[in-house]
Structures are given as structure tokens and as C-alpha cells.
Amino acid sequence: MTEATVEGTSFKTDGHGNEKEFLWRVSKYDPEKYIIQYLVSTENRYWTITVKCNQSTDNKTLAEITYTFIGLNDLDNKINKQALDKMYLQNLKDWEEAINYFLDNGKLMPLK
């Protein structure tokens, strides 16, 4: 049985660095407006990821991804900065690759 995506759906994924796991919660889901928002938390910090898709030309989709990081102390802010620096090393192309892989294959892209 596959779990349906609805507001309130929660799941855990492996963390990285000093964080052992990430707890994810779907905080907003509106498939008619092509919006999903996740609240992600660890023992150190939390953040939101909002994905908004719009139709483009030539049967393509544009995705706008917005992050809001909240650190609870100086260590948390340092971890947030490291996460942002890592994301921008790839110019945020990791999201583009992951979404395109899902659209082409109907499943999540394997972790690198």
C-alpha cells in the first residue's frame, strides 16, 4: 500500500552531517494550484520547502522552490549556512534534476 500525499503526512529520512534524521511533514498541499510545502525538522533546526509548479511552453513545467531556514541558536545557524552553501554549489540544479527524473520515471531519483 502506498501512502497518499495529504496535508499532515509525515515521514522520516536519513540525515547527513551531524544530523541523524530529518522529520518531514506536508504542511500544505494543493494539487489544483500545483503547490506543496514541507516542514522539515531535526534536533537542531527546522525549515520549510515550498514547491510551486507552473506550466511553461512546449509542454514543460517551471518549478519555483523556496526555502525558509530557522535556526534556534548559533550552531543551528551555522548548519543552515553550510546547507545553503552546499545547495548553491550546484546552482540549485539538484532540484531540477530530481523533479525531471520523477516526471520522466514516476519515481524518486536515487541518492548520489
PDB file of N, CA and C in Angstrom:
ATOM      1  N   MET A   1       0.846  -1.176   0.000  1.00  0.00           N
ATOM      2  CA  MET A   1       0.000   0.000   0.000  1.00  0.00           C
ATOM      3  C   MET A   1       0.895   1.245   0.000  1.00  0.00           C
ATOM      4  N   THR A   2       0.599   2.204  -0.834  1.00  0.00           N
ATOM      5  CA  THR A   2       1.341   3.453  -0.908  1.00  0.00           C
ATOM      6  C   THR A   2       0.566   4.529  -0.165  1.00  0.00           C
ATOM      7  N   GLU A   3       1.263   5.277   0.662  1.00  0.00           N
ATOM      8  CA  GLU A   3       0.622   6.339   1.424  1.00  0.00           C
ATOM      9  C   GLU A   3       0.257   7.488   0.504  1.00  0.00           C
ATOM     10  N   ALA A   4      -0.919   8.040   0.676  1.00  0.00           N
ATOM     11  CA  ALA A   4      -1.363   9.184  -0.119  1.00  0.00           C
ATOM     12  C   ALA A   4      -0.725  10.448   0.424  1.00  0.00           C
ATOM     13  N   THR A   5      -0.459  11.391  -0.451  1.00  0.00           N
ATOM     14  CA  THR A   5       0.065  12.681  -0.040  1.00  0.00           C
ATOM     15  C   THR A   5      -1.104  13.589   0.295  1.00  0.00           C
ATOM     16  N   VAL A   6      -1.186  13.974   1.554  1.00  0.00           N
ATOM     17  CA  VAL A   6      -2.204  14.909   2.037  1.00  0.00           C
ATOM     18  C   VAL A   6      -1.539  15.800   3.077  1.00  0.00           C
ATOM     19  N   GLU A   7      -2.159  16.922   3.367  1.00  0.00           N
ATOM     20  CA  GLU A   7      -1.623  17.777   4.430  1.00  0.00           C
ATOM     21  C   GLU A   7      -1.575  16.970   5.716  1.00  0.00           C
ATOM     22  N   GLY A   8      -0.448  17.040   6.377  1.00  0.00           N
ATOM     23  CA  GLY A   8      -0.265  16.299   7.619  1.00  0.00           C
ATOM     24  C   GLY A   8       0.526  15.011   7.461  1.00  0.00           C
ATOM     25  N   THR A   9       0.693  14.531   6.217  1.00  0.00           N
ATOM     26  CA  THR A   9       1.505  13.337   6.003  1.00  0.00           C
ATOM     27  C   THR A   9       2.900  13.583   6.554  1.00  0.00           C
ATOM     28  N   SER A  10       3.431  12.621   7.302  1.00  0.00           N
ATOM     29  CA  SER A  10       4.758  12.757   7.897  1.00  0.00           C
ATOM     30  C   SER A  10       5.596  11.536   7.578  1.00  0.00           C
ATOM     31  N   PHE A  11       6.909  11.748   7.462  1.00  0.00           N
ATOM     32  CA  PHE A  11       7.830  10.647   7.209  1.00  0.00           C
ATOM     33  C   PHE A  11       9.230  11.082   7.622  1.00  0.00           C
ATOM     34  N   LYS A  12      10.108  10.098   7.766  1.00  0.00           N
ATOM     35  CA  LYS A  12      11.489  10.372   8.155  1.00  0.00           C
ATOM     36  C   LYS A  12      12.423   9.947   7.035  1.00  0.00           C
ATOM     37  N   THR A  13      13.546  10.678   6.913  1.00  0.00           N
ATOM     38  CA  THR A  13      14.614  10.288   6.003  1.00  0.00           C
ATOM     39  C   THR A  13      15.937  10.357   6.762  1.00  0.00           C
ATOM     40  N   ASP A  14      16.922   9.671   6.233  1.00  0.00           N
ATOM     41  CA  ASP A  14      18.247   9.743   6.834  1.00  0.00           C
ATOM     42  C   ASP A  14      18.770  11.165   6.743  1.00  0.00           C
ATOM     43  N   GLY A  15      19.444  11.589   7.779  1.00  0.00           N
ATOM     44  CA  GLY A  15      20.076  12.901   7.781  1.00  0.00           C
ATOM     45  C   GLY A  15      21.480  12.808   7.217  1.00  0.00           C
ATOM     46  N   HIS A  16      22.213  13.878   7.337  1.00  0.00           N
ATOM     47  CA  HIS A  16      23.613  13.875   6.948  1.00  0.00           C
ATOM     48  C   HIS A  16      24.362  14.860   7.828  1.00  0.00           C
ATOM     49  N   GLY A  17      25.678  14.740   7.818  1.00  0.00           N
ATOM     50  CA  GLY A  17      26.471  15.574   8.708  1.00  0.00           C
ATOM     51  C   GLY A  17      26.213  15.191  10.153  1.00  0.00           C
ATOM     52  N   ASN A  18      25.979  16.185  11.000  1.00  0.00           N
ATOM     53  CA  ASN A  18      25.738  15.940  12.427  1.00  0.00           C
ATOM     54  C   ASN A  18      24.286  15.596  12.739  1.00  0.00           C
ATOM     55  N   GLU A  19      23.452  15.568  11.735  1.00  0.00           N
ATOM     56  CA  GLU A  19      22.019  15.332  11.966  1.00  0.00           C
ATOM     57  C   GLU A  19      21.661  13.916  11.505  1.00  0.00           C
ATOM     58  N   LYS A  20      21.148  13.118  12.444  1.00  0.00           N
ATOM     59  CA  LYS A  20      20.909  11.703  12.183  1.00  0.00           C
ATOM     60  C   LYS A  20      19.702  11.451  11.284  1.00  0.00           C
ATOM     61  N   GLU A  21      18.646  12.225  11.455  1.00  0.00           N
ATOM     62  CA  GLU A  21      17.460  12.027  10.618  1.00  0.00           C
ATOM     63  C   GLU A  21      16.700  13.331  10.455  1.00  0.00           C
ATOM     64  N   PHE A  22      15.931  13.380   9.378  1.00  0.00           N
ATOM     65  CA  PHE A  22      15.062  14.515   9.102  1.00  0.00           C
ATOM     66  C   PHE A  22      13.621  14.038   9.253  1.00  0.00           C
ATOM     67  N   LEU A  23      12.816  14.814   9.954  1.00  0.00           N
ATOM     68  CA  LEU A  23      11.392  14.558  10.064  1.00  0.00           C
ATOM     69  C   LEU A  23      10.687  15.525   9.123  1.00  0.00           C
ATOM     70  N   TRP A  24       9.944  14.980   8.159  1.00  0.00           N
ATOM     71  CA  TRP A  24       9.241  15.771   7.149  1.00  0.00           C
ATOM     72  C   TRP A  24       7.744  15.716   7.446  1.00  0.00           C
ATOM     73  N   ARG A  25       7.078  16.837   7.228  1.00  0.00           N
ATOM     74  CA  ARG A  25       5.614  16.909   7.346  1.00  0.00           C
ATOM     75  C   ARG A  25       5.099  17.755   6.189  1.00  0.00           C
ATOM     76  N   VAL A  26       4.108  17.242   5.496  1.00  0.00           N
ATOM     77  CA  VAL A  26       3.468  18.020   4.432  1.00  0.00           C
ATOM     78  C   VAL A  26       2.584  19.046   5.125  1.00  0.00           C
ATOM     79  N   SER A  27       3.007  20.314   5.081  1.00  0.00           N
ATOM     80  CA  SER A  27       2.272  21.364   5.780  1.00  0.00           C
ATOM     81  C   SER A  27       1.255  22.063   4.882  1.00  0.00           C
ATOM     82  N   LYS A  28       1.427  21.926   3.575  1.00  0.00           N
ATOM     83  CA  LYS A  28       0.471  22.500   2.623  1.00  0.00           C
ATOM     84  C   LYS A  28       0.499  21.639   1.370  1.00  0.00           C
ATOM     85  N   TYR A  29      -0.677  21.296   0.874  1.00  0.00           N
ATOM     86  CA  TYR A  29      -0.758  20.511  -0.357  1.00  0.00           C
ATOM     87  C   TYR A  29      -2.009  20.931  -1.105  1.00  0.00           C
ATOM     88  N   ASP A  30      -1.817  21.523  -2.270  1.00  0.00           N
ATOM     89  CA  ASP A  30      -2.933  21.970  -3.104  1.00  0.00           C
ATOM     90  C   ASP A  30      -2.640  21.554  -4.540  1.00  0.00           C
ATOM     91  N   PRO A  31      -3.009  20.318  -4.901  1.00  0.00           N
ATOM     92  CA  PRO A  31      -2.682  19.833  -6.250  1.00  0.00           C
ATOM     93  C   PRO A  31      -3.333  20.642  -7.368  1.00  0.00           C
ATOM     94  N   GLU A  32      -4.473  21.272  -7.099  1.00  0.00           N
ATOM     95  CA  GLU A  32      -5.120  22.088  -8.133  1.00  0.00           C
ATOM     96  C   GLU A  32      -4.303  23.334  -8.457  1.00  0.00           C
ATOM     97  N   LYS A  33      -3.541  23.832  -7.471  1.00  0.00           N
ATOM     98  CA  LYS A  33      -2.688  25.001  -7.686  1.00  0.00           C
ATOM     99  C   LYS A  33      -1.221  24.592  -7.845  1.00  0.00           C
ATOM    100  N   TYR A  34      -0.951  23.287  -7.833  1.00  0.00           N
ATOM    101  CA  TYR A  34       0.408  22.742  -8.022  1.00  0.00           C
ATOM    102  C   TYR A  34       1.385  23.259  -6.972  1.00  0.00           C
ATOM    103  N   ILE A  35       0.945  23.197  -5.712  1.00  0.00           N
ATOM    104  CA  ILE A  35       1.771  23.662  -4.602  1.00  0.00           C
ATOM    105  C   ILE A  35       1.885  22.547  -3.559  1.00  0.00           C
ATOM    106  N   ILE A  36       3.107  22.354  -3.076  1.00  0.00           N
ATOM    107  CA  ILE A  36       3.322  21.503  -1.913  1.00  0.00           C
ATOM    108  C   ILE A  36       4.366  22.182  -1.039  1.00  0.00           C
ATOM    109  N   GLN A  37       4.144  22.109   0.261  1.00  0.00           N
ATOM    110  CA  GLN A  37       5.094  22.694   1.205  1.00  0.00           C
ATOM    111  C   GLN A  37       5.401  21.660   2.283  1.00  0.00           C
ATOM    112  N   TYR A  38       6.695  21.557   2.600  1.00  0.00           N
ATOM    113  CA  TYR A  38       7.153  20.642   3.636  1.00  0.00           C
ATOM    114  C   TYR A  38       7.722  21.435   4.800  1.00  0.00           C
ATOM    115  N   LEU A  39       7.454  20.972   6.005  1.00  0.00           N
ATOM    116  CA  LEU A  39       8.135  21.441   7.193  1.00  0.00           C
ATOM    117  C   LEU A  39       9.109  20.324   7.552  1.00  0.00           C
ATOM    118  N   VAL A  40      10.398  20.645   7.594  1.00  0.00           N
ATOM    119  CA  VAL A  40      11.432  19.656   7.875  1.00  0.00           C
ATOM    120  C   VAL A  40      12.103  20.051   9.183  1.00  0.00           C
ATOM    121  N   SER A  41      12.348  19.058  10.047  1.00  0.00           N
ATOM    122  CA  SER A  41      12.975  19.383  11.322  1.00  0.00           C
ATOM    123  C   SER A  41      14.007  18.325  11.697  1.00  0.00           C
ATOM    124  N   THR A  42      14.953  18.770  12.505  1.00  0.00           N
ATOM    125  CA  THR A  42      15.952  17.903  13.123  1.00  0.00           C
ATOM    126  C   THR A  42      16.002  18.281  14.590  1.00  0.00           C
ATOM    127  N   GLU A  43      16.920  17.671  15.314  1.00  0.00           N
ATOM    128  CA  GLU A  43      17.065  18.048  16.719  1.00  0.00           C
ATOM    129  C   GLU A  43      17.653  19.448  16.868  1.00  0.00           C
ATOM    130  N   ASN A  44      18.193  20.008  15.760  1.00  0.00           N
ATOM    131  CA  ASN A  44      18.871  21.301  15.816  1.00  0.00           C
ATOM    132  C   ASN A  44      18.105  22.470  15.207  1.00  0.00           C
ATOM    133  N   ARG A  45      17.244  22.203  14.251  1.00  0.00           N
ATOM    134  CA  ARG A  45      16.680  23.314  13.470  1.00  0.00           C
ATOM    135  C   ARG A  45      15.451  22.841  12.717  1.00  0.00           C
ATOM    136  N   TYR A  46      14.790  23.772  12.075  1.00  0.00           N
ATOM    137  CA  TYR A  46      13.707  23.407  11.166  1.00  0.00           C
ATOM    138  C   TYR A  46      13.673  24.387  10.009  1.00  0.00           C
ATOM    139  N   TRP A  47      12.993  23.971   8.933  1.00  0.00           N
ATOM    140  CA  TRP A  47      12.892  24.810   7.752  1.00  0.00           C
ATOM    141  C   TRP A  47      11.692  24.375   6.937  1.00  0.00           C
ATOM    142  N   THR A  48      11.269  25.257   6.060  1.00  0.00           N
ATOM    143  CA  THR A  48      10.196  24.901   5.123  1.00  0.00           C
ATOM    144  C   THR A  48      10.761  24.885   3.708  1.00  0.00           C
ATOM    145  N   ILE A  49      10.189  24.019   2.907  1.00  0.00           N
ATOM    146  CA  ILE A  49      10.491  23.945   1.479  1.00  0.00           C
ATOM    147  C   ILE A  49       9.146  24.036   0.765  1.00  0.00           C
ATOM    148  N   THR A  50       8.978  25.044  -0.064  1.00  0.00           N
ATOM    149  CA  THR A  50       7.744  25.213  -0.821  1.00  0.00           C
ATOM    150  C   THR A  50       8.057  25.022  -2.291  1.00  0.00           C
ATOM    151  N   VAL A  51       7.288  24.139  -2.942  1.00  0.00           N
ATOM    152  CA  VAL A  51       7.457  23.866  -4.370  1.00  0.00           C
ATOM    153  C   VAL A  51       6.175  24.298  -5.069  1.00  0.00           C
ATOM    154  N   LYS A  52       6.308  25.222  -6.015  1.00  0.00           N
ATOM    155  CA  LYS A  52       5.185  25.739  -6.804  1.00  0.00           C
ATOM    156  C   LYS A  52       5.508  25.500  -8.268  1.00  0.00           C
ATOM    157  N   CYS A  53       4.645  24.774  -8.951  1.00  0.00           N
ATOM    158  CA  CYS A  53       4.867  24.469 -10.365  1.00  0.00           C
ATOM    159  C   CYS A  53       3.921  25.291 -11.239  1.00  0.00           C
ATOM    160  N   ASN A  54       4.420  25.693 -12.390  1.00  0.00           N
ATOM    161  CA  ASN A  54       3.644  26.443 -13.369  1.00  0.00           C
ATOM    162  C   ASN A  54       3.917  25.869 -14.751  1.00  0.00           C
ATOM    163  N   GLN A  55       2.902  25.902 -15.598  1.00  0.00           N
ATOM    164  CA  GLN A  55       3.080  25.426 -16.963  1.00  0.00           C
ATOM    165  C   GLN A  55       3.946  26.406 -17.739  1.00  0.00           C
ATOM    166  N   SER A  56       4.849  25.855 -18.521  1.00  0.00           N
ATOM    167  CA  SER A  56       5.718  26.653 -19.373  1.00  0.00           C
ATOM    168  C   SER A  56       5.330  26.354 -20.819  1.00  0.00           C
ATOM    169  N   THR A  57       6.203  26.695 -21.727  1.00  0.00           N
ATOM    170  CA  THR A  57       5.947  26.405 -23.131  1.00  0.00           C
ATOM    171  C   THR A  57       6.402  24.994 -23.469  1.00  0.00           C
ATOM    172  N   ASP A  58       6.013  24.512 -24.611  1.00  0.00           N
ATOM    173  CA  ASP A  58       6.448  23.214 -25.125  1.00  0.00           C
ATOM    174  C   ASP A  58       6.213  22.078 -24.137  1.00  0.00           C
ATOM    175  N   ASN A  59       5.057  22.098 -23.471  1.00  0.00           N
ATOM    176  CA  ASN A  59       4.678  21.013 -22.574  1.00  0.00           C
ATOM    177  C   ASN A  59       5.704  20.795 -21.452  1.00  0.00           C
ATOM    178  N   LYS A  60       6.303  21.873 -20.971  1.00  0.00           N
ATOM    179  CA  LYS A  60       7.268  21.807 -19.881  1.00  0.00           C
ATOM    180  C   LYS A  60       6.693  22.476 -18.646  1.00  0.00           C
ATOM    181  N   THR A  61       7.319  22.188 -17.515  1.00  0.00           N
ATOM    182  CA  THR A  61       6.878  22.753 -16.245  1.00  0.00           C
ATOM    183  C   THR A  61       8.007  23.551 -15.618  1.00  0.00           C
ATOM    184  N   LEU A  62       7.673  24.723 -15.113  1.00  0.00           N
ATOM    185  CA  LEU A  62       8.624  25.515 -14.340  1.00  0.00           C
ATOM    186  C   LEU A  62       8.327  25.284 -12.867  1.00  0.00           C
ATOM    187  N   ALA A  63       9.362  25.040 -12.077  1.00  0.00           N
ATOM    188  CA  ALA A  63       9.185  24.833 -10.643  1.00  0.00           C
ATOM    189  C   ALA A  63       9.913  25.940  -9.889  1.00  0.00           C
ATOM    190  N   GLU A  64       9.205  26.557  -8.966  1.00  0.00           N
ATOM    191  CA  GLU A  64       9.789  27.583  -8.093  1.00  0.00           C
ATOM    192  C   GLU A  64       9.910  26.969  -6.707  1.00  0.00           C
ATOM    193  N   ILE A  65      11.120  26.884  -6.185  1.00  0.00           N
ATOM    194  CA  ILE A  65      11.360  26.283  -4.884  1.00  0.00           C
ATOM    195  C   ILE A  65      11.844  27.364  -3.926  1.00  0.00           C
ATOM    196  N   THR A  66      11.174  27.478  -2.784  1.00  0.00           N
ATOM    197  CA  THR A  66      11.520  28.481  -1.788  1.00  0.00           C
ATOM    198  C   THR A  66      11.860  27.786  -0.475  1.00  0.00           C
ATOM    199  N   TYR A  67      12.989  28.150   0.092  1.00  0.00           N
ATOM    200  CA  TYR A  67      13.422  27.635   1.388  1.00  0.00           C
ATOM    201  C   TYR A  67      13.318  28.746   2.421  1.00  0.00           C
ATOM    202  N   THR A  68      12.895  28.388   3.631  1.00  0.00           N
ATOM    203  CA  THR A  68      12.952  29.288   4.768  1.00  0.00           C
ATOM    204  C   THR A  68      13.604  28.519   5.904  1.00  0.00           C
ATOM    205  N   PHE A  69      14.824  28.910   6.278  1.00  0.00           N
ATOM    206  CA  PHE A  69      15.572  28.224   7.327  1.00  0.00           C
ATOM    207  C   PHE A  69      15.423  28.960   8.644  1.00  0.00           C
ATOM    208  N   ILE A  70      15.209  28.196   9.718  1.00  0.00           N
ATOM    209  CA  ILE A  70      15.085  28.771  11.041  1.00  0.00           C
ATOM    210  C   ILE A  70      16.066  28.049  11.961  1.00  0.00           C
ATOM    211  N   GLY A  71      17.062  28.772  12.440  1.00  0.00           N
ATOM    212  CA  GLY A  71      17.993  28.218  13.412  1.00  0.00           C
ATOM    213  C   GLY A  71      17.576  28.640  14.798  1.00  0.00           C
ATOM    214  N   LEU A  72      17.775  27.760  15.749  1.00  0.00           N
ATOM    215  CA  LEU A  72      17.365  28.058  17.119  1.00  0.00           C
ATOM    216  C   LEU A  72      18.504  28.603  17.970  1.00  0.00           C
ATOM    217  N   ASN A  73      19.731  28.521  17.443  1.00  0.00           N
ATOM    218  CA  ASN A  73      20.891  29.059  18.150  1.00  0.00           C
ATOM    219  C   ASN A  73      22.038  29.222  17.150  1.00  0.00           C
ATOM    220  N   ASP A  74      23.213  29.602  17.624  1.00  0.00           N
ATOM    221  CA  ASP A  74      24.345  29.845  16.722  1.00  0.00           C
ATOM    222  C   ASP A  74      24.759  28.594  15.964  1.00  0.00           C
ATOM    223  N   LEU A  75      24.765  27.432  16.617  1.00  0.00           N
ATOM    224  CA  LEU A  75      25.117  26.179  15.930  1.00  0.00           C
ATOM    225  C   LEU A  75      24.133  25.908  14.802  1.00  0.00           C
ATOM    226  N   ASP A  76      22.862  26.076  15.086  1.00  0.00           N
ATOM    227  CA  ASP A  76      21.828  25.842  14.074  1.00  0.00           C
ATOM    228  C   ASP A  76      22.014  26.768  12.874  1.00  0.00           C
ATOM    229  N   ASN A  77      22.325  28.022  13.144  1.00  0.00           N
ATOM    230  CA  ASN A  77      22.544  28.976  12.055  1.00  0.00           C
ATOM    231  C   ASN A  77      23.755  28.576  11.218  1.00  0.00           C
ATOM    232  N   LYS A  78      24.790  28.044  11.867  1.00  0.00           N
ATOM    233  CA  LYS A  78      25.976  27.573  11.148  1.00  0.00           C
ATOM    234  C   LYS A  78      25.611  26.389  10.245  1.00  0.00           C
ATOM    235  N   ILE A  79      24.817  25.450  10.764  1.00  0.00           N
ATOM    236  CA  ILE A  79      24.385  24.302   9.960  1.00  0.00           C
ATOM    237  C   ILE A  79      23.542  24.774   8.770  1.00  0.00           C
ATOM    238  N   ASN A  80      22.656  25.734   9.007  1.00  0.00           N
ATOM    239  CA  ASN A  80      21.841  26.286   7.913  1.00  0.00           C
ATOM    240  C   ASN A  80      22.725  26.905   6.837  1.00  0.00           C
ATOM    241  N   LYS A  81      23.733  27.662   7.231  1.00  0.00           N
ATOM    242  CA  LYS A  81      24.625  28.293   6.255  1.00  0.00           C
ATOM    243  C   LYS A  81      25.365  27.233   5.446  1.00  0.00           C
ATOM    244  N   GLN A  82      25.827  26.180   6.101  1.00  0.00           N
ATOM    245  CA  GLN A  82      26.512  25.100   5.395  1.00  0.00           C
ATOM    246  C   GLN A  82      25.575  24.439   4.382  1.00  0.00           C
ATOM    247  N   ALA A  83      24.316  24.225   4.774  1.00  0.00           N
ATOM    248  CA  ALA A  83      23.335  23.614   3.866  1.00  0.00           C
ATOM    249  C   ALA A  83      23.098  24.511   2.653  1.00  0.00           C
ATOM    250  N   LEU A  84      22.956  25.812   2.883  1.00  0.00           N
ATOM    251  CA  LEU A  84      22.754  26.751   1.776  1.00  0.00           C
ATOM    252  C   LEU A  84      23.967  26.803   0.856  1.00  0.00           C
ATOM    253  N   ASP A  85      25.153  26.860   1.442  1.00  0.00           N
ATOM    254  CA  ASP A  85      26.378  26.879   0.623  1.00  0.00           C
ATOM    255  C   ASP A  85      26.453  25.635  -0.255  1.00  0.00           C
ATOM    256  N   LYS A  86      26.113  24.472   0.312  1.00  0.00           N
ATOM    257  CA  LYS A  86      26.149  23.225  -0.461  1.00  0.00           C
ATOM    258  C   LYS A  86      25.128  23.255  -1.605  1.00  0.00           C
ATOM    259  N   MET A  87      23.916  23.772  -1.326  1.00  0.00           N
ATOM    260  CA  MET A  87      22.888  23.843  -2.375  1.00  0.00           C
ATOM    261  C   MET A  87      23.336  24.722  -3.531  1.00  0.00           C
ATOM    262  N   TYR A  88      23.958  25.848  -3.191  1.00  0.00           N
ATOM    263  CA  TYR A  88      24.335  26.792  -4.235  1.00  0.00           C
ATOM    264  C   TYR A  88      25.590  26.382  -4.989  1.00  0.00           C
ATOM    265  N   LEU A  89      26.317  25.372  -4.494  1.00  0.00           N
ATOM    266  CA  LEU A  89      27.448  24.830  -5.264  1.00  0.00           C
ATOM    267  C   LEU A  89      26.969  24.288  -6.603  1.00  0.00           C
ATOM    268  N   GLN A  90      25.751  23.742  -6.598  1.00  0.00           N
ATOM    269  CA  GLN A  90      25.164  23.179  -7.812  1.00  0.00           C
ATOM    270  C   GLN A  90      24.179  24.148  -8.464  1.00  0.00           C
ATOM    271  N   ASN A  91      24.150  25.391  -8.004  1.00  0.00           N
ATOM    272  CA  ASN A  91      23.238  26.402  -8.523  1.00  0.00           C
ATOM    273  C   ASN A  91      21.786  25.921  -8.478  1.00  0.00           C
ATOM    274  N   LEU A  92      21.482  25.135  -7.453  1.00  0.00           N
ATOM    275  CA  LEU A  92      20.151  24.561  -7.215  1.00  0.00           C
ATOM    276  C   LEU A  92      19.688  23.625  -8.343  1.00  0.00           C
ATOM    277  N   LYS A  93      20.598  23.128  -9.147  1.00  0.00           N
ATOM    278  CA  LYS A  93      20.252  22.207 -10.233  1.00  0.00           C
ATOM    279  C   LYS A  93      19.809  20.853  -9.691  1.00  0.00           C
ATOM    280  N   ASP A  94      20.129  20.536  -8.418  1.00  0.00           N
ATOM    281  CA  ASP A  94      19.725  19.260  -7.848  1.00  0.00           C
ATOM    282  C   ASP A  94      18.207  19.112  -7.838  1.00  0.00           C
ATOM    283  N   TRP A  95      17.483  20.201  -7.538  1.00  0.00           N
ATOM    284  CA  TRP A  95      16.019  20.157  -7.585  1.00  0.00           C
ATOM    285  C   TRP A  95      15.538  19.902  -9.012  1.00  0.00           C
ATOM    286  N   GLU A  96      16.104  20.608  -9.969  1.00  0.00           N
ATOM    287  CA  GLU A  96      15.708  20.443 -11.365  1.00  0.00           C
ATOM    288  C   GLU A  96      15.898  18.992 -11.797  1.00  0.00           C
ATOM    289  N   GLU A  97      17.049  18.436 -11.474  1.00  0.00           N
ATOM    290  CA  GLU A  97      17.334  17.050 -11.854  1.00  0.00           C
ATOM    291  C   GLU A  97      16.361  16.081 -11.175  1.00  0.00           C
ATOM    292  N   ALA A  98      16.116  16.288  -9.886  1.00  0.00           N
ATOM    293  CA  ALA A  98      15.231  15.385  -9.144  1.00  0.00           C
ATOM    294  C   ALA A  98      13.794  15.446  -9.658  1.00  0.00           C
ATOM    295  N   ILE A  99      13.291  16.645  -9.919  1.00  0.00           N
ATOM    296  CA  ILE A  99      11.915  16.778 -10.417  1.00  0.00           C
ATOM    297  C   ILE A  99      11.803  16.194 -11.822  1.00  0.00           C
ATOM    298  N   ASN A 100      12.763  16.494 -12.693  1.00  0.00           N
ATOM    299  CA  ASN A 100      12.722  15.940 -14.049  1.00  0.00           C
ATOM    300  C   ASN A 100      12.815  14.421 -14.034  1.00  0.00           C
ATOM    301  N   TYR A 101      13.635  13.871 -13.144  1.00  0.00           N
ATOM    302  CA  TYR A 101      13.751  12.417 -13.042  1.00  0.00           C
ATOM    303  C   TYR A 101      12.404  11.825 -12.642  1.00  0.00           C
ATOM    304  N   PHE A 102      11.745  12.438 -11.656  1.00  0.00           N
ATOM    305  CA  PHE A 102      10.445  11.942 -11.216  1.00  0.00           C
ATOM    306  C   PHE A 102       9.410  12.025 -12.339  1.00  0.00           C
ATOM    307  N   LEU A 103       9.392  13.139 -13.048  1.00  0.00           N
ATOM    308  CA  LEU A 103       8.421  13.295 -14.134  1.00  0.00           C
ATOM    309  C   LEU A 103       8.669  12.291 -15.255  1.00  0.00           C
ATOM    310  N   ASP A 104       9.926  11.972 -15.521  1.00  0.00           N
ATOM    311  CA  ASP A 104      10.264  11.016 -16.581  1.00  0.00           C
ATOM    312  C   ASP A 104      10.067   9.569 -16.163  1.00  0.00           C
ATOM    313  N   ASN A 105      10.294   9.256 -14.860  1.00  0.00           N
ATOM    314  CA  ASN A 105      10.323   7.861 -14.422  1.00  0.00           C
ATOM    315  C   ASN A 105       9.219   7.481 -13.435  1.00  0.00           C
ATOM    316  N   GLY A 106       8.521   8.470 -12.898  1.00  0.00           N
ATOM    317  CA  GLY A 106       7.463   8.189 -11.950  1.00  0.00           C
ATOM    318  C   GLY A 106       7.941   7.692 -10.600  1.00  0.00           C
ATOM    319  N   LYS A 107       9.225   7.902 -10.301  1.00  0.00           N
ATOM    320  CA  LYS A 107       9.763   7.504  -9.002  1.00  0.00           C
ATOM    321  C   LYS A 107      10.872   8.471  -8.614  1.00  0.00           C
ATOM    322  N   LEU A 108      11.251   8.427  -7.339  1.00  0.00           N
ATOM    323  CA  LEU A 108      12.286   9.323  -6.837  1.00  0.00           C
ATOM    324  C   LEU A 108      13.657   8.948  -7.398  1.00  0.00           C
ATOM    325  N   MET A 109      14.468   9.947  -7.616  1.00  0.00           N
ATOM    326  CA  MET A 109      15.825   9.745  -8.111  1.00  0.00           C
ATOM    327  C   MET A 109      16.661   9.107  -7.016  1.00  0.00           C
ATOM    328  N   PRO A 110      17.490   8.100  -7.363  1.00  0.00           N
ATOM    329  CA  PRO A 110      18.360   7.510  -6.352  1.00  0.00           C
ATOM    330  C   PRO A 110      19.330   8.547  -5.796  1.00  0.00           C
ATOM    331  N   LEU A 111      19.662   8.420  -4.524  1.00  0.00           N
ATOM    332  CA  LEU A 111      20.617   9.343  -3.898  1.00  0.00           C
ATOM    333  C   LEU A 111      21.994   9.144  -4.493  1.00  0.00           C
ATOM    334  N   LYS A 112      22.714  10.253  -4.638  1.00  0.00           N
ATOM    335  CA  LYS A 112      24.076  10.192  -5.198  1.00  0.00           C
ATOM    336  C   LYS A 112      25.082   9.891  -4.133  1.00  0.00           C
TER     337      LYS A 112
END
